[in-house]
C-alpha atoms as a PDB file:
ATOM      1  CA  GLN A   1     -14.248  11.163   9.589  1.00  0.00           C
ATOM      2  CA  VAL A   2     -11.768   8.811   7.975  1.00  0.00           C
ATOM      3  CA  ARG A   3      -8.310  10.044   7.189  1.00  0.00           C
ATOM      4  CA  LEU A   4      -5.495   7.958   5.735  1.00  0.00           C
ATOM      5  CA  VAL A   5      -2.065   9.530   5.348  1.00  0.00           C
ATOM      6  CA  GLU A   6       0.753   7.847   3.467  1.00  0.00           C
ATOM      7  CA  SER A   7       4.444   8.464   3.892  1.00  0.00           C
ATOM      8  CA  GLY A   8       7.705   6.782   3.001  1.00  0.00           C
ATOM      9  CA  GLY A   9       7.792   7.330  -0.726  1.00  0.00           C
ATOM     10  CA  GLY A  10      10.842   8.687  -2.456  1.00  0.00           C
ATOM     11  CA  SER A  11      13.496   7.969  -5.017  1.00  0.00           C
ATOM     12  CA  VAL A  12      15.484   4.765  -4.990  1.00  0.00           C
ATOM     13  CA  GLN A  13      17.692   2.876  -7.394  1.00  0.00           C
ATOM     14  CA  ALA A  14      16.592  -0.389  -8.901  1.00  0.00           C
ATOM     15  CA  ALA A  15      16.940  -3.302  -6.479  1.00  0.00           C
ATOM     16  CA  GLY A  16      16.535  -0.917  -3.577  1.00  0.00           C
ATOM     17  CA  SER A  17      13.899  -0.953  -0.851  1.00  0.00           C
ATOM     18  CA  LEU A  18      11.302   1.372   0.580  1.00  0.00           C
ATOM     19  CA  ARG A  19       8.756   1.035   3.338  1.00  0.00           C
ATOM     20  CA  LEU A  20       5.508   2.885   2.939  1.00  0.00           C
ATOM     21  CA  SER A  21       3.394   3.735   5.947  1.00  0.00           C
ATOM     22  CA  CYS A  22      -0.264   4.663   6.179  1.00  0.00           C
ATOM     23  CA  VAL A  23      -1.498   6.264   9.383  1.00  0.00           C
ATOM     24  CA  SER A  24      -5.194   5.908   9.935  1.00  0.00           C
ATOM     25  CA  SER A  25      -7.572   8.074  11.903  1.00  0.00           C
ATOM     26  CA  GLY A  26     -11.272   7.419  12.087  1.00  0.00           C
ATOM     27  CA  TYR A  27     -10.800   4.037  10.441  1.00  0.00           C
ATOM     28  CA  SER A  28     -10.160   0.795  12.268  1.00  0.00           C
ATOM     29  CA  ILE A  29      -7.308  -1.043  10.634  1.00  0.00           C
ATOM     30  CA  ARG A  30      -8.777  -4.247  11.977  1.00  0.00           C
ATOM     31  CA  ASN A  31     -10.764  -3.902   8.772  1.00  0.00           C
ATOM     32  CA  CYS A  32      -9.328  -4.646   5.363  1.00  0.00           C
ATOM     33  CA  VAL A  33      -6.389  -2.459   4.400  1.00  0.00           C
ATOM     34  CA  GLY A  34      -4.598  -2.299   1.101  1.00  0.00           C
ATOM     35  CA  TRP A  35      -2.103  -0.631  -1.166  1.00  0.00           C
ATOM     36  CA  PHE A  36      -2.623   0.401  -4.758  1.00  0.00           C
ATOM     37  CA  ARG A  37      -0.340   1.985  -7.288  1.00  0.00           C
ATOM     38  CA  GLN A  38      -0.827   3.959 -10.445  1.00  0.00           C
ATOM     39  CA  ALA A  39       2.007   4.148 -12.903  1.00  0.00           C
ATOM     40  CA  PRO A  40       2.117   6.955 -15.458  1.00  0.00           C
ATOM     41  CA  GLY A  41      -0.321   6.243 -18.276  1.00  0.00           C
ATOM     42  CA  LYS A  42      -1.625   3.072 -16.644  1.00  0.00           C
ATOM     43  CA  GLU A  43      -4.668   2.122 -14.636  1.00  0.00           C
ATOM     44  CA  SER A  44      -4.520   1.793 -10.895  1.00  0.00           C
ATOM     45  CA  GLU A  45      -3.804  -1.720  -9.655  1.00  0.00           C
ATOM     46  CA  ARG A  46      -4.058  -3.347  -6.266  1.00  0.00           C
ATOM     47  CA  VAL A  47      -0.591  -4.263  -5.092  1.00  0.00           C
ATOM     48  CA  ALA A  48      -1.386  -5.864  -1.761  1.00  0.00           C
ATOM     49  CA  SER A  49      -4.178  -6.149   0.754  1.00  0.00           C
ATOM     50  CA  LEU A  50      -4.806  -7.656   4.151  1.00  0.00           C
ATOM     51  CA  THR A  51      -8.237  -8.708   5.313  1.00  0.00           C
ATOM     52  CA  GLY A  52      -9.501  -8.471   8.843  1.00  0.00           C
ATOM     53  CA  TYR A  53      -9.251 -12.258   8.932  1.00  0.00           C
ATOM     54  CA  GLY A  54      -5.521 -12.104   8.264  1.00  0.00           C
ATOM     55  CA  ASP A  55      -5.607 -13.196   4.622  1.00  0.00           C
ATOM     56  CA  THR A  56      -3.231 -11.452   2.272  1.00  0.00           C
ATOM     57  CA  TYR A  57      -3.347 -10.712  -1.411  1.00  0.00           C
ATOM     58  CA  TYR A  58      -0.378  -9.759  -3.565  1.00  0.00           C
ATOM     59  CA  ALA A  59      -0.273  -8.918  -7.226  1.00  0.00           C
ATOM     60  CA  ASP A  60       1.681 -11.588  -9.085  1.00  0.00           C
ATOM     61  CA  SER A  61       4.331  -9.063 -10.040  1.00  0.00           C
ATOM     62  CA  VAL A  62       5.241  -8.316  -6.412  1.00  0.00           C
ATOM     63  CA  LYS A  63       4.949 -11.722  -4.763  1.00  0.00           C
ATOM     64  CA  GLY A  64       8.048 -12.556  -2.778  1.00  0.00           C
ATOM     65  CA  ARG A  65       9.253  -8.945  -2.795  1.00  0.00           C
ATOM     66  CA  PHE A  66       6.507  -6.895  -1.115  1.00  0.00           C
ATOM     67  CA  THR A  67       4.998  -7.449   2.316  1.00  0.00           C
ATOM     68  CA  ILE A  68       1.915  -5.833   3.794  1.00  0.00           C
ATOM     69  CA  SER A  69       1.634  -5.602   7.556  1.00  0.00           C
ATOM     70  CA  LYS A  70      -0.024  -3.554  10.234  1.00  0.00           C
ATOM     71  CA  ALA A  71       0.493  -2.303  13.759  1.00  0.00           C
ATOM     72  CA  GLU A  72      -2.930  -1.859  15.307  1.00  0.00           C
ATOM     73  CA  ALA A  73      -1.580  -0.132  18.385  1.00  0.00           C
ATOM     74  CA  LYS A  74      -0.196   2.569  16.115  1.00  0.00           C
ATOM     75  CA  ASN A  75      -3.196   2.673  13.766  1.00  0.00           C
ATOM     76  CA  THR A  76      -0.663   2.225  11.005  1.00  0.00           C
ATOM     77  CA  PHE A  77      -0.174  -0.239   8.206  1.00  0.00           C
ATOM     78  CA  TYR A  78       2.795  -0.724   5.982  1.00  0.00           C
ATOM     79  CA  LEU A  79       4.061  -1.901   2.643  1.00  0.00           C
ATOM     80  CA  GLN A  80       7.632  -3.155   2.648  1.00  0.00           C
ATOM     81  CA  MET A  81       8.952  -3.109  -0.901  1.00  0.00           C
ATOM     82  CA  ASN A  82      12.178  -4.885  -1.746  1.00  0.00           C
ATOM     83  CA  SER A  83      14.043  -5.410  -5.022  1.00  0.00           C
ATOM     84  CA  LEU A  84      12.203  -2.514  -6.603  1.00  0.00           C
ATOM     85  CA  LYS A  85      12.068  -2.230 -10.374  1.00  0.00           C
ATOM     86  CA  PRO A  86      11.914   0.908 -12.547  1.00  0.00           C
ATOM     87  CA  GLU A  87       8.489  -0.104 -13.875  1.00  0.00           C
ATOM     88  CA  GLU A  88       7.164   0.139 -10.323  1.00  0.00           C
ATOM     89  CA  THR A  89       7.515   3.890 -10.400  1.00  0.00           C
ATOM     90  CA  GLY A  90       4.220   5.602  -9.667  1.00  0.00           C
ATOM     91  CA  MET A  91       1.871   6.941  -7.044  1.00  0.00           C
ATOM     92  CA  TYR A  92       1.100   4.576  -4.233  1.00  0.00           C
ATOM     93  CA  TYR A  93      -2.157   4.893  -2.335  1.00  0.00           C
ATOM     94  CA  CYS A  94      -3.344   3.232   0.821  1.00  0.00           C
ATOM     95  CA  GLY A  95      -6.971   2.371   1.219  1.00  0.00           C
ATOM     96  CA  GLY A  96      -9.651   0.646   3.234  1.00  0.00           C
ATOM     97  CA  THR A  97     -12.989  -0.999   2.567  1.00  0.00           C
ATOM     98  CA  GLY A  98     -14.760  -0.383   5.839  1.00  0.00           C
ATOM     99  CA  SER A  99     -15.229  -4.081   6.495  1.00  0.00           C
ATOM    100  CA  TRP A 100     -13.107  -7.116   7.299  1.00  0.00           C
ATOM    101  CA  ALA A 101     -13.431  -8.320   3.724  1.00  0.00           C
ATOM    102  CA  CYS A 102     -11.462  -6.712   0.923  1.00  0.00           C
ATOM    103  CA  GLY A 103     -14.194  -5.826  -1.508  1.00  0.00           C
ATOM    104  CA  ASN A 104     -14.666  -2.301  -2.725  1.00  0.00           C
ATOM    105  CA  PHE A 105     -12.180   0.202  -1.381  1.00  0.00           C
ATOM    106  CA  ILE A 106     -13.963   3.359  -0.360  1.00  0.00           C
ATOM    107  CA  TYR A 107     -11.376   5.158   1.740  1.00  0.00           C
ATOM    108  CA  TRP A 108      -8.184   6.516   0.256  1.00  0.00           C
ATOM    109  CA  GLY A 109      -5.071   8.389   1.189  1.00  0.00           C
ATOM    110  CA  GLN A 110      -3.637  11.194  -0.875  1.00  0.00           C
ATOM    111  CA  GLY A 111      -0.815   9.098  -2.277  1.00  0.00           C
ATOM    112  CA  THR A 112       2.941   9.026  -2.044  1.00  0.00           C
ATOM    113  CA  GLN A 113       5.288   9.043  -5.014  1.00  0.00           C
ATOM    114  CA  VAL A 114       7.748   6.227  -5.562  1.00  0.00           C
ATOM    115  CA  THR A 115      10.412   6.657  -8.218  1.00  0.00           C
ATOM    116  CA  VAL A 116      12.727   3.789  -9.092  1.00  0.00           C
ATOM    117  CA  SER A 117      15.660   4.614 -11.312  1.00  0.00           C
ATOM    118  CA  SER A 118      17.665   2.154 -13.362  1.00  0.00           C
END
């Protein structure tokens, strides 16, 4: 059974940083892993992902500020978020596709709240 558990969310002032963690059980993080966010009143969007081949994807709005990484020995992957903006407030979810490619995400964590104040 796959279980993904996020942590690291919280409240931060604009321009601050947070590091989100996602601990995986029952899911090999050698597969694709990713982070999504859902802001209030908006659709969910993929923020970053990392394929099993080592290729990364970042939404244009976060390029140069966010970094996705993983520590296979810890079954954990991360999202380092720097220079946060108030509009990036929302629920952040980690996910996996079950394959090395980042196609459809079928596994999800419960989410962690990020609040960025101006």
